[in-house]
Amino acid sequence: MLKVEGLTKYFETPSGRIHSVDGVSFTINKGETLGLVGESGCGKSTTARTIIRLYEPDAGKIIFNGHDITHITQREMLTFRKKIQMIFQDPYASLNPRMTAGEIIREPMTIHKIPKDEHSSRVNHLLKLVGLNSEQAGRYPHEFSGGQRQRIGIARALAAEPELIICDEPVSALDVSIQAQIVNMLEDLQKSLGLTYLFIAHDLSMVKHISTRIAVMYLGSVVEIAQSDELYNRPLHPYTVSLLSSVPIPDPEKATQKHIIPLKGEIPSAINPPSGCKFHTRCPKAKPECRSVSPKLEDKGNGHFCACPFA
């Protein structure tokens, strides 16, 4: 359904050029969930916003259902945006405080010219679908809890009947008690509506739970992609190995036996990233050639791709 090739996005600042997304490539098949993980600032959200063309890409290709949408006009993009919707991270900031829940959900229907006589019934149906009721359509965002606001954001994303939904850390701003409810609801919606997800998150356990495949990002680049179970049971890239070693274990006895692999040094600046492999300054397996050669994703077998020749 979605093919991203060499996607690149830079931001110019007085201090220099920020290499936010640097040659990212991956595919998402119809009906699956691709999890995208990595440290804060590695470019996950920028990748998502560039795919949906909220940011204009500097290089690379975005191909959706066989159509190259990389450089089409915003007017042409409107057709594709009906099929690609986004759930934003912060339910407090992503909803217009001057619009009621019903108006927020109705807005995509107006933009995408869905017949007006269907609006009211569709709003009520969508509210019910995300666990709210029709009586709440007249309320404003400040009258809802954080979890309820995110449900409104999900209903808004569903209003245009999309095929692909980009979930940009949809539960990170919510209470832990609410997070599981939202994730389970997203899974149920995927099954009932035949949706495809790009799911961005920090919580590695949650990503494993919801994802079919997982891509790991470091400093603007994808360093490993594999099936969910394969990645967790056989991580290959040194960064992925360290990342997974830091996942908390709820069993106290097993937690004391766990070997955490700390990374040396600090995350390099995105304005002046290291030459060659960006991870070589912190990598326990680094060799002299890592400073000059930038590794590409290679198939290590079983659909497991890794950007490290020494993995």
C-alpha atoms as a PDB file:
ATOM      1  CA  MET A   1       0.000   0.000   0.000  1.00  0.00           C
ATOM      2  CA  LEU A   2       2.772   2.456   0.927  1.00  0.00           C
ATOM      3  CA  LYS A   3       6.346   2.488  -0.341  1.00  0.00           C
ATOM      4  CA  VAL A   4       8.840   5.042   0.989  1.00  0.00           C
ATOM      5  CA  GLU A   5      12.177   5.266  -0.836  1.00  0.00           C
ATOM      6  CA  GLY A   6      15.107   7.370   0.397  1.00  0.00           C
ATOM      7  CA  LEU A   7      12.815   9.891   2.110  1.00  0.00           C
ATOM      8  CA  THR A   8      14.762  12.952   3.236  1.00  0.00           C
ATOM      9  CA  LYS A   9      13.696  16.056   5.149  1.00  0.00           C
ATOM     10  CA  TYR A  10      16.033  18.808   6.354  1.00  0.00           C
ATOM     11  CA  PHE A  11      15.267  21.927   8.370  1.00  0.00           C
ATOM     12  CA  GLU A  12      17.400  25.045   7.997  1.00  0.00           C
ATOM     13  CA  THR A  13      18.201  26.859  11.258  1.00  0.00           C
ATOM     14  CA  PRO A  14      20.609  29.673  12.199  1.00  0.00           C
ATOM     15  CA  SER A  15      22.876  26.989  13.706  1.00  0.00           C
ATOM     16  CA  GLY A  16      22.889  24.865  10.559  1.00  0.00           C
ATOM     17  CA  ARG A  17      20.912  22.228   8.694  1.00  0.00           C
ATOM     18  CA  ILE A  18      19.056  19.679  10.852  1.00  0.00           C
ATOM     19  CA  HIS A  19      19.151  16.199   9.239  1.00  0.00           C
ATOM     20  CA  SER A  20      15.763  15.178  10.607  1.00  0.00           C
ATOM     21  CA  VAL A  21      14.940  12.380   8.135  1.00  0.00           C
ATOM     22  CA  ASP A  22      17.903  11.073   6.155  1.00  0.00           C
ATOM     23  CA  GLY A  23      17.218   8.486   3.461  1.00  0.00           C
ATOM     24  CA  VAL A  24      14.420   6.481   5.116  1.00  0.00           C
ATOM     25  CA  SER A  25      13.028   3.505   3.171  1.00  0.00           C
ATOM     26  CA  PHE A  26      10.307   0.991   4.084  1.00  0.00           C
ATOM     27  CA  THR A  27       7.077  -0.552   2.806  1.00  0.00           C
ATOM     28  CA  ILE A  28       3.688  -1.139   4.437  1.00  0.00           C
ATOM     29  CA  ASN A  29       1.426  -3.885   3.088  1.00  0.00           C
ATOM     30  CA  LYS A  30      -2.362  -3.662   3.091  1.00  0.00           C
ATOM     31  CA  GLY A  31      -3.913  -4.705   6.406  1.00  0.00           C
ATOM     32  CA  GLU A  32      -0.695  -4.783   8.435  1.00  0.00           C
ATOM     33  CA  THR A  33       0.727  -2.545  11.156  1.00  0.00           C
ATOM     34  CA  LEU A  34       4.287  -1.270  10.820  1.00  0.00           C
ATOM     35  CA  GLY A  35       5.664  -0.093  14.151  1.00  0.00           C
ATOM     36  CA  LEU A  36       8.246   2.718  14.046  1.00  0.00           C
ATOM     37  CA  VAL A  37      10.425   3.043  17.155  1.00  0.00           C
ATOM     38  CA  GLY A  38      13.501   4.961  18.292  1.00  0.00           C
ATOM     39  CA  GLU A  39      14.704   7.571  20.760  1.00  0.00           C
ATOM     40  CA  SER A  40      13.113  11.017  21.032  1.00  0.00           C
ATOM     41  CA  GLY A  41      14.362  13.278  18.256  1.00  0.00           C
ATOM     42  CA  CYS A  42      15.304  10.452  15.876  1.00  0.00           C
ATOM     43  CA  GLY A  43      12.836  11.677  13.219  1.00  0.00           C
ATOM     44  CA  LYS A  44       9.808   9.383  13.690  1.00  0.00           C
ATOM     45  CA  SER A  45       7.167  12.131  13.753  1.00  0.00           C
ATOM     46  CA  THR A  46       8.874  14.087  10.965  1.00  0.00           C
ATOM     47  CA  THR A  47       8.808  10.939   8.830  1.00  0.00           C
ATOM     48  CA  ALA A  48       5.058  10.605   9.464  1.00  0.00           C
ATOM     49  CA  ARG A  49       4.322  14.249   8.707  1.00  0.00           C
ATOM     50  CA  THR A  50       6.418  14.131   5.522  1.00  0.00           C
ATOM     51  CA  ILE A  51       4.605  11.014   4.275  1.00  0.00           C
ATOM     52  CA  ILE A  52       1.251  12.779   4.630  1.00  0.00           C
ATOM     53  CA  ARG A  53       2.826  15.929   3.080  1.00  0.00           C
ATOM     54  CA  LEU A  54       2.364  18.216   6.072  1.00  0.00           C
ATOM     55  CA  TYR A  55       6.099  18.743   5.451  1.00  0.00           C
ATOM     56  CA  GLU A  56       7.434  18.866   1.906  1.00  0.00           C
ATOM     57  CA  PRO A  57      10.142  16.216   1.307  1.00  0.00           C
ATOM     58  CA  ASP A  58      13.597  17.345   0.161  1.00  0.00           C
ATOM     59  CA  ALA A  59      14.389  14.038  -1.581  1.00  0.00           C
ATOM     60  CA  GLY A  60      13.103  10.497  -2.037  1.00  0.00           C
ATOM     61  CA  LYS A  61       9.774   9.036  -3.108  1.00  0.00           C
ATOM     62  CA  ILE A  62       6.391   8.405  -1.444  1.00  0.00           C
ATOM     63  CA  ILE A  63       4.300   5.906  -3.412  1.00  0.00           C
ATOM     64  CA  PHE A  64       0.753   5.209  -2.217  1.00  0.00           C
ATOM     65  CA  ASN A  65      -1.308   2.489  -3.944  1.00  0.00           C
ATOM     66  CA  GLY A  66       0.995   2.724  -6.970  1.00  0.00           C
ATOM     67  CA  HIS A  67       0.748   6.536  -7.258  1.00  0.00           C
ATOM     68  CA  ASP A  68       3.787   8.764  -6.697  1.00  0.00           C
ATOM     69  CA  ILE A  69       2.529  11.494  -4.345  1.00  0.00           C
ATOM     70  CA  THR A  70       5.955  12.999  -3.534  1.00  0.00           C
ATOM     71  CA  HIS A  71       5.627  16.264  -5.416  1.00  0.00           C
ATOM     72  CA  ILE A  72       1.977  16.533  -6.443  1.00  0.00           C
ATOM     73  CA  THR A  73       0.175  19.784  -5.626  1.00  0.00           C
ATOM     74  CA  GLN A  74      -1.815  20.223  -2.423  1.00  0.00           C
ATOM     75  CA  ARG A  75      -5.007  20.278  -4.505  1.00  0.00           C
ATOM     76  CA  GLU A  76      -4.081  16.889  -6.011  1.00  0.00           C
ATOM     77  CA  MET A  77      -3.011  15.673  -2.564  1.00  0.00           C
ATOM     78  CA  LEU A  78      -6.570  16.199  -1.283  1.00  0.00           C
ATOM     79  CA  THR A  79      -7.659  13.046  -3.138  1.00  0.00           C
ATOM     80  CA  PHE A  80      -4.990  10.958  -1.429  1.00  0.00           C
ATOM     81  CA  ARG A  81      -5.370  12.600   1.968  1.00  0.00           C
ATOM     82  CA  LYS A  82      -8.894  11.212   2.080  1.00  0.00           C
ATOM     83  CA  LYS A  83      -7.259   7.761   2.067  1.00  0.00           C
ATOM     84  CA  ILE A  84      -4.354   8.638   4.396  1.00  0.00           C
ATOM     85  CA  GLN A  85      -5.340  10.110   7.753  1.00  0.00           C
ATOM     86  CA  MET A  86      -3.385  10.855  10.927  1.00  0.00           C
ATOM     87  CA  ILE A  87      -3.952  10.538  14.670  1.00  0.00           C
ATOM     88  CA  PHE A  88      -1.791  13.099  16.429  1.00  0.00           C
ATOM     89  CA  GLN A  89       0.187  12.669  19.642  1.00  0.00           C
ATOM     90  CA  ASP A  90      -1.370  15.364  21.811  1.00  0.00           C
ATOM     91  CA  PRO A  91      -5.179  15.253  22.123  1.00  0.00           C
ATOM     92  CA  TYR A  92      -5.055  18.593  23.959  1.00  0.00           C
ATOM     93  CA  ALA A  93      -3.390  20.443  21.074  1.00  0.00           C
ATOM     94  CA  SER A  94      -4.802  18.625  18.022  1.00  0.00           C
ATOM     95  CA  LEU A  95      -8.485  19.514  18.592  1.00  0.00           C
ATOM     96  CA  ASN A  96      -9.882  22.976  17.922  1.00  0.00           C
ATOM     97  CA  PRO A  97     -11.123  24.274  21.317  1.00  0.00           C
ATOM     98  CA  ARG A  98     -13.776  26.441  19.591  1.00  0.00           C
ATOM     99  CA  MET A  99     -15.449  23.514  17.847  1.00  0.00           C
ATOM    100  CA  THR A 100     -17.722  20.886  19.384  1.00  0.00           C
ATOM    101  CA  ALA A 101     -16.880  17.186  19.098  1.00  0.00           C
ATOM    102  CA  GLY A 102     -19.533  16.828  16.404  1.00  0.00           C
ATOM    103  CA  GLU A 103     -18.133  19.740  14.374  1.00  0.00           C
ATOM    104  CA  ILE A 104     -14.596  18.341  14.664  1.00  0.00           C
ATOM    105  CA  ILE A 105     -15.674  14.942  13.319  1.00  0.00           C
ATOM    106  CA  ARG A 106     -17.879  16.551  10.652  1.00  0.00           C
ATOM    107  CA  GLU A 107     -15.093  18.783   9.265  1.00  0.00           C
ATOM    108  CA  PRO A 108     -13.343  16.057   7.161  1.00  0.00           C
ATOM    109  CA  MET A 109     -16.726  15.108   5.699  1.00  0.00           C
ATOM    110  CA  THR A 110     -17.215  18.705   4.550  1.00  0.00           C
ATOM    111  CA  ILE A 111     -13.676  18.968   3.120  1.00  0.00           C
ATOM    112  CA  HIS A 112     -13.997  15.682   1.221  1.00  0.00           C
ATOM    113  CA  LYS A 113     -17.521  16.513  -0.010  1.00  0.00           C
ATOM    114  CA  ILE A 114     -19.415  13.689   1.648  1.00  0.00           C
ATOM    115  CA  PRO A 115     -23.186  14.424   1.209  1.00  0.00           C
ATOM    116  CA  LYS A 116     -24.479  16.695   4.000  1.00  0.00           C
ATOM    117  CA  ASP A 117     -27.553  14.599   4.669  1.00  0.00           C
ATOM    118  CA  GLU A 118     -25.244  11.803   5.850  1.00  0.00           C
ATOM    119  CA  HIS A 119     -23.215  13.921   8.270  1.00  0.00           C
ATOM    120  CA  SER A 120     -25.342  13.639  11.418  1.00  0.00           C
ATOM    121  CA  SER A 121     -25.845   9.878  11.197  1.00  0.00           C
ATOM    122  CA  ARG A 122     -22.131   9.335  10.419  1.00  0.00           C
ATOM    123  CA  VAL A 123     -21.060  11.506  13.366  1.00  0.00           C
ATOM    124  CA  ASN A 124     -23.276   9.505  15.719  1.00  0.00           C
ATOM    125  CA  HIS A 125     -22.000   6.223  14.256  1.00  0.00           C
ATOM    126  CA  LEU A 126     -18.349   7.271  14.622  1.00  0.00           C
ATOM    127  CA  LEU A 127     -18.843   8.443  18.207  1.00  0.00           C
ATOM    128  CA  LYS A 128     -20.349   5.067  19.051  1.00  0.00           C
ATOM    129  CA  LEU A 129     -17.527   3.297  17.202  1.00  0.00           C
ATOM    130  CA  VAL A 130     -14.868   4.936  19.432  1.00  0.00           C
ATOM    131  CA  GLY A 131     -16.737   4.372  22.685  1.00  0.00           C
ATOM    132  CA  LEU A 132     -18.580   7.697  23.071  1.00  0.00           C
ATOM    133  CA  ASN A 133     -22.279   8.499  22.680  1.00  0.00           C
ATOM    134  CA  SER A 134     -24.263  10.836  20.447  1.00  0.00           C
ATOM    135  CA  GLU A 135     -25.228  13.097  23.387  1.00  0.00           C
ATOM    136  CA  GLN A 136     -21.561  14.120  23.649  1.00  0.00           C
ATOM    137  CA  ALA A 137     -21.468  15.552  20.110  1.00  0.00           C
ATOM    138  CA  GLY A 138     -22.404  19.018  21.399  1.00  0.00           C
ATOM    139  CA  ARG A 139     -19.623  19.204  23.982  1.00  0.00           C
ATOM    140  CA  TYR A 140     -16.365  21.118  23.557  1.00  0.00           C
ATOM    141  CA  PRO A 141     -12.899  19.486  23.931  1.00  0.00           C
ATOM    142  CA  HIS A 142     -12.279  20.953  27.406  1.00  0.00           C
ATOM    143  CA  GLU A 143     -15.332  19.043  28.671  1.00  0.00           C
ATOM    144  CA  PHE A 144     -13.677  15.681  27.895  1.00  0.00           C
ATOM    145  CA  SER A 145     -10.872  13.732  29.563  1.00  0.00           C
ATOM    146  CA  GLY A 146      -7.590  13.122  27.726  1.00  0.00           C
ATOM    147  CA  GLY A 147      -8.614   9.617  26.677  1.00  0.00           C
ATOM    148  CA  GLN A 148     -11.977  10.845  25.404  1.00  0.00           C
ATOM    149  CA  ARG A 149     -10.285  13.613  23.404  1.00  0.00           C
ATOM    150  CA  GLN A 150      -8.048  11.077  21.718  1.00  0.00           C
ATOM    151  CA  ARG A 151     -11.148   9.031  20.881  1.00  0.00           C
ATOM    152  CA  ILE A 152     -12.546  12.144  19.155  1.00  0.00           C
ATOM    153  CA  GLY A 153      -9.258  12.455  17.250  1.00  0.00           C
ATOM    154  CA  ILE A 154      -9.587   8.818  16.151  1.00  0.00           C
ATOM    155  CA  ALA A 155     -13.217   9.392  15.074  1.00  0.00           C
ATOM    156  CA  ARG A 156     -12.071  12.420  13.051  1.00  0.00           C
ATOM    157  CA  ALA A 157      -9.410  10.276  11.334  1.00  0.00           C
ATOM    158  CA  LEU A 158     -12.064   7.672  10.466  1.00  0.00           C
ATOM    159  CA  ALA A 159     -14.563  10.241   9.149  1.00  0.00           C
ATOM    160  CA  ALA A 160     -13.083  10.279   5.634  1.00  0.00           C
ATOM    161  CA  GLU A 161     -13.078   6.455   5.417  1.00  0.00           C
ATOM    162  CA  PRO A 162      -9.279   6.141   5.058  1.00  0.00           C
ATOM    163  CA  GLU A 163      -7.278   3.054   4.081  1.00  0.00           C
ATOM    164  CA  LEU A 164      -4.060   4.019   5.913  1.00  0.00           C
ATOM    165  CA  ILE A 165      -3.909   5.716   9.317  1.00  0.00           C
ATOM    166  CA  ILE A 166      -0.656   7.134  10.667  1.00  0.00           C
ATOM    167  CA  CYS A 167      -0.713   6.901  14.466  1.00  0.00           C
ATOM    168  CA  ASP A 168       1.876   9.359  15.790  1.00  0.00           C
ATOM    169  CA  GLU A 169       2.396   8.213  19.395  1.00  0.00           C
ATOM    170  CA  PRO A 170      -1.376   8.195  19.942  1.00  0.00           C
ATOM    171  CA  VAL A 171      -1.212   7.072  23.585  1.00  0.00           C
ATOM    172  CA  SER A 172       2.008   8.631  24.943  1.00  0.00           C
ATOM    173  CA  ALA A 173       0.169  11.663  26.389  1.00  0.00           C
ATOM    174  CA  LEU A 174      -2.460   9.512  28.139  1.00  0.00           C
ATOM    175  CA  ASP A 175      -2.629   7.810  31.538  1.00  0.00           C
ATOM    176  CA  VAL A 176      -1.296   4.260  31.576  1.00  0.00           C
ATOM    177  CA  SER A 177      -4.747   2.981  32.572  1.00  0.00           C
ATOM    178  CA  ILE A 178      -6.218   4.477  29.376  1.00  0.00           C
ATOM    179  CA  GLN A 179      -3.410   3.481  26.985  1.00  0.00           C
ATOM    180  CA  ALA A 180      -4.381  -0.204  26.768  1.00  0.00           C
ATOM    181  CA  GLN A 181      -8.023   0.719  26.079  1.00  0.00           C
ATOM    182  CA  ILE A 182      -7.040   2.938  23.138  1.00  0.00           C
ATOM    183  CA  VAL A 183      -4.609   0.368  21.683  1.00  0.00           C
ATOM    184  CA  ASN A 184      -7.197  -2.429  21.958  1.00  0.00           C
ATOM    185  CA  MET A 185      -9.759  -0.180  20.294  1.00  0.00           C
ATOM    186  CA  LEU A 186      -7.347   0.552  17.420  1.00  0.00           C
ATOM    187  CA  GLU A 187      -6.838  -3.200  16.948  1.00  0.00           C
ATOM    188  CA  ASP A 188     -10.610  -3.808  16.901  1.00  0.00           C
ATOM    189  CA  LEU A 189     -11.116  -0.998  14.366  1.00  0.00           C
ATOM    190  CA  GLN A 190      -8.375  -2.433  12.171  1.00  0.00           C
ATOM    191  CA  LYS A 191     -10.097  -5.816  12.067  1.00  0.00           C
ATOM    192  CA  SER A 192     -13.614  -4.470  11.508  1.00  0.00           C
ATOM    193  CA  LEU A 193     -12.726  -1.749   8.953  1.00  0.00           C
ATOM    194  CA  GLY A 194      -9.743  -3.380   7.224  1.00  0.00           C
ATOM    195  CA  LEU A 195      -7.355  -0.562   8.139  1.00  0.00           C
ATOM    196  CA  THR A 196      -3.588  -0.349   7.690  1.00  0.00           C
ATOM    197  CA  TYR A 197      -1.454   1.416  10.341  1.00  0.00           C
ATOM    198  CA  LEU A 198       1.906   3.112  10.652  1.00  0.00           C
ATOM    199  CA  PHE A 199       2.202   3.053  14.445  1.00  0.00           C
ATOM    200  CA  ILE A 200       4.823   5.309  16.049  1.00  0.00           C
ATOM    201  CA  ALA A 201       5.595   4.819  19.740  1.00  0.00           C
ATOM    202  CA  HIS A 202       8.211   4.845  22.489  1.00  0.00           C
ATOM    203  CA  ASP A 203       6.816   1.910  24.449  1.00  0.00           C
ATOM    204  CA  LEU A 204       8.531  -1.118  22.923  1.00  0.00           C
ATOM    205  CA  SER A 205       6.217  -3.616  24.650  1.00  0.00           C
ATOM    206  CA  MET A 206       3.176  -1.871  23.174  1.00  0.00           C
ATOM    207  CA  VAL A 207       4.742  -1.782  19.713  1.00  0.00           C
ATOM    208  CA  LYS A 208       5.385  -5.533  19.893  1.00  0.00           C
ATOM    209  CA  HIS A 209       1.752  -6.096  20.898  1.00  0.00           C
ATOM    210  CA  ILE A 210       0.167  -4.162  18.036  1.00  0.00           C
ATOM    211  CA  SER A 211       2.718  -4.418  15.189  1.00  0.00           C
ATOM    212  CA  THR A 212       3.087  -6.941  12.382  1.00  0.00           C
ATOM    213  CA  ARG A 213       6.569  -5.645  11.542  1.00  0.00           C
ATOM    214  CA  ILE A 214       8.835  -3.147  13.299  1.00  0.00           C
ATOM    215  CA  ALA A 215      11.295  -0.566  11.931  1.00  0.00           C
ATOM    216  CA  VAL A 216      13.949   0.902  14.239  1.00  0.00           C
ATOM    217  CA  MET A 217      15.197   4.473  13.640  1.00  0.00           C
ATOM    218  CA  TYR A 218      18.387   6.120  14.831  1.00  0.00           C
ATOM    219  CA  LEU A 219      19.282   9.748  14.094  1.00  0.00           C
ATOM    220  CA  GLY A 220      17.063  10.055  11.016  1.00  0.00           C
ATOM    221  CA  SER A 221      17.809   6.652   9.477  1.00  0.00           C
ATOM    222  CA  VAL A 222      16.197   3.203   9.642  1.00  0.00           C
ATOM    223  CA  VAL A 223      18.761   0.722  10.987  1.00  0.00           C
ATOM    224  CA  GLU A 224      16.663  -2.465  11.213  1.00  0.00           C
ATOM    225  CA  ILE A 225      13.316  -3.853   9.982  1.00  0.00           C
ATOM    226  CA  ALA A 226      11.867  -7.273  10.814  1.00  0.00           C
ATOM    227  CA  GLN A 227       8.732  -9.154  11.801  1.00  0.00           C
ATOM    228  CA  SER A 228       7.691  -8.241  15.347  1.00  0.00           C
ATOM    229  CA  ASP A 229       8.581 -11.567  17.007  1.00  0.00           C
ATOM    230  CA  GLU A 230      11.734 -11.928  14.922  1.00  0.00           C
ATOM    231  CA  LEU A 231      13.019  -8.502  15.999  1.00  0.00           C
ATOM    232  CA  TYR A 232      12.381  -9.135  19.692  1.00  0.00           C
ATOM    233  CA  ASN A 233      13.788 -12.680  19.681  1.00  0.00           C
ATOM    234  CA  ARG A 234      16.765 -12.044  17.372  1.00  0.00           C
ATOM    235  CA  PRO A 235      17.759  -8.354  17.272  1.00  0.00           C
ATOM    236  CA  LEU A 236      20.778  -7.870  15.005  1.00  0.00           C
ATOM    237  CA  HIS A 237      21.768  -4.195  15.013  1.00  0.00           C
ATOM    238  CA  PRO A 238      23.781  -3.158  18.117  1.00  0.00           C
ATOM    239  CA  TYR A 239      21.418  -0.222  18.668  1.00  0.00           C
ATOM    240  CA  THR A 240      18.331  -2.479  18.609  1.00  0.00           C
ATOM    241  CA  VAL A 241      20.028  -4.916  21.006  1.00  0.00           C
ATOM    242  CA  SER A 242      20.690  -2.087  23.473  1.00  0.00           C
ATOM    243  CA  LEU A 243      17.198  -0.622  23.003  1.00  0.00           C
ATOM    244  CA  LEU A 244      15.473  -3.942  23.754  1.00  0.00           C
ATOM    245  CA  SER A 245      17.722  -4.636  26.746  1.00  0.00           C
ATOM    246  CA  SER A 246      16.265  -1.535  28.424  1.00  0.00           C
ATOM    247  CA  VAL A 247      12.628  -2.713  28.229  1.00  0.00           C
ATOM    248  CA  PRO A 248      11.320  -3.142  31.812  1.00  0.00           C
ATOM    249  CA  ILE A 249      10.290  -6.640  32.923  1.00  0.00           C
ATOM    250  CA  PRO A 250       7.350  -6.826  35.394  1.00  0.00           C
ATOM    251  CA  ASP A 251       8.735  -9.976  37.071  1.00  0.00           C
ATOM    252  CA  PRO A 252      11.195  -8.839  39.831  1.00  0.00           C
ATOM    253  CA  GLU A 253      13.188 -12.094  39.763  1.00  0.00           C
ATOM    254  CA  LYS A 254      13.679 -12.034  35.995  1.00  0.00           C
ATOM    255  CA  ALA A 255      14.433  -8.304  36.111  1.00  0.00           C
ATOM    256  CA  THR A 256      17.423  -8.857  38.442  1.00  0.00           C
ATOM    257  CA  GLN A 257      18.845 -11.451  36.020  1.00  0.00           C
ATOM    258  CA  LYS A 258      18.454  -9.205  32.984  1.00  0.00           C
ATOM    259  CA  HIS A 259      21.600  -7.833  31.335  1.00  0.00           C
ATOM    260  CA  ILE A 260      21.129  -4.185  30.316  1.00  0.00           C
ATOM    261  CA  ILE A 261      23.515  -2.949  27.616  1.00  0.00           C
ATOM    262  CA  PRO A 262      24.122   0.776  28.188  1.00  0.00           C
ATOM    263  CA  LEU A 263      25.302   2.908  25.275  1.00  0.00           C
ATOM    264  CA  LYS A 264      28.368   5.054  25.732  1.00  0.00           C
ATOM    265  CA  GLY A 265      28.353   8.769  25.006  1.00  0.00           C
ATOM    266  CA  GLU A 266      25.536  11.082  23.989  1.00  0.00           C
ATOM    267  CA  ILE A 267      23.289  11.104  20.918  1.00  0.00           C
ATOM    268  CA  PRO A 268      25.198  13.077  18.241  1.00  0.00           C
ATOM    269  CA  SER A 269      23.793  16.358  16.967  1.00  0.00           C
ATOM    270  CA  ALA A 270      21.371  16.115  14.055  1.00  0.00           C
ATOM    271  CA  ILE A 271      22.959  19.314  12.740  1.00  0.00           C
ATOM    272  CA  ASN A 272      26.390  17.680  12.514  1.00  0.00           C
ATOM    273  CA  PRO A 273      25.820  13.895  12.385  1.00  0.00           C
ATOM    274  CA  PRO A 274      28.822  11.541  12.347  1.00  0.00           C
ATOM    275  CA  SER A 275      30.268  10.499   8.990  1.00  0.00           C
ATOM    276  CA  GLY A 276      29.821   6.921   7.802  1.00  0.00           C
ATOM    277  CA  CYS A 277      27.597   4.918  10.140  1.00  0.00           C
ATOM    278  CA  LYS A 278      25.839   7.424  12.395  1.00  0.00           C
ATOM    279  CA  PHE A 279      25.916   4.931  15.271  1.00  0.00           C
ATOM    280  CA  HIS A 280      29.683   4.283  15.233  1.00  0.00           C
ATOM    281  CA  THR A 281      30.396   6.858  17.987  1.00  0.00           C
ATOM    282  CA  ARG A 282      28.366   4.770  20.474  1.00  0.00           C
ATOM    283  CA  CYS A 283      28.624   1.269  18.996  1.00  0.00           C
ATOM    284  CA  PRO A 284      30.385  -1.530  20.914  1.00  0.00           C
ATOM    285  CA  LYS A 285      31.129  -3.330  17.616  1.00  0.00           C
ATOM    286  CA  ALA A 286      32.486  -0.316  15.705  1.00  0.00           C
ATOM    287  CA  LYS A 287      35.411  -0.876  13.323  1.00  0.00           C
ATOM    288  CA  PRO A 288      37.637   1.774  11.674  1.00  0.00           C
ATOM    289  CA  GLU A 289      35.735   1.457   8.370  1.00  0.00           C
ATOM    290  CA  CYS A 290      32.459   2.396  10.137  1.00  0.00           C
ATOM    291  CA  ARG A 291      33.672   5.997  10.244  1.00  0.00           C
ATOM    292  CA  SER A 292      33.688   6.325   6.457  1.00  0.00           C
ATOM    293  CA  VAL A 293      31.187   3.797   5.039  1.00  0.00           C
ATOM    294  CA  SER A 294      27.460   4.408   5.482  1.00  0.00           C
ATOM    295  CA  PRO A 295      25.823   0.926   5.659  1.00  0.00           C
ATOM    296  CA  LYS A 296      22.650   0.128   3.703  1.00  0.00           C
ATOM    297  CA  LEU A 297      19.786  -2.107   4.822  1.00  0.00           C
ATOM    298  CA  GLU A 298      20.650  -5.701   3.840  1.00  0.00           C
ATOM    299  CA  ASP A 299      18.440  -8.790   3.981  1.00  0.00           C
ATOM    300  CA  LYS A 300      19.850 -11.098   6.662  1.00  0.00           C
ATOM    301  CA  GLY A 301      17.255 -13.775   5.949  1.00  0.00           C
ATOM    302  CA  ASN A 302      13.610 -14.337   6.890  1.00  0.00           C
ATOM    303  CA  GLY A 303      12.714 -10.775   5.814  1.00  0.00           C
ATOM    304  CA  HIS A 304      15.050  -9.359   8.475  1.00  0.00           C
ATOM    305  CA  PHE A 305      16.842  -6.234   7.217  1.00  0.00           C
ATOM    306  CA  CYS A 306      19.754  -4.663   9.092  1.00  0.00           C
ATOM    307  CA  ALA A 307      22.097  -1.758   8.292  1.00  0.00           C
ATOM    308  CA  CYS A 308      25.239  -3.208   9.908  1.00  0.00           C
ATOM    309  CA  PRO A 309      27.826  -5.462   8.191  1.00  0.00           C
ATOM    310  CA  PHE A 310      29.037  -6.711  11.583  1.00  0.00           C
ATOM    311  CA  ALA A 311      25.601  -7.610  12.986  1.00  0.00           C
END
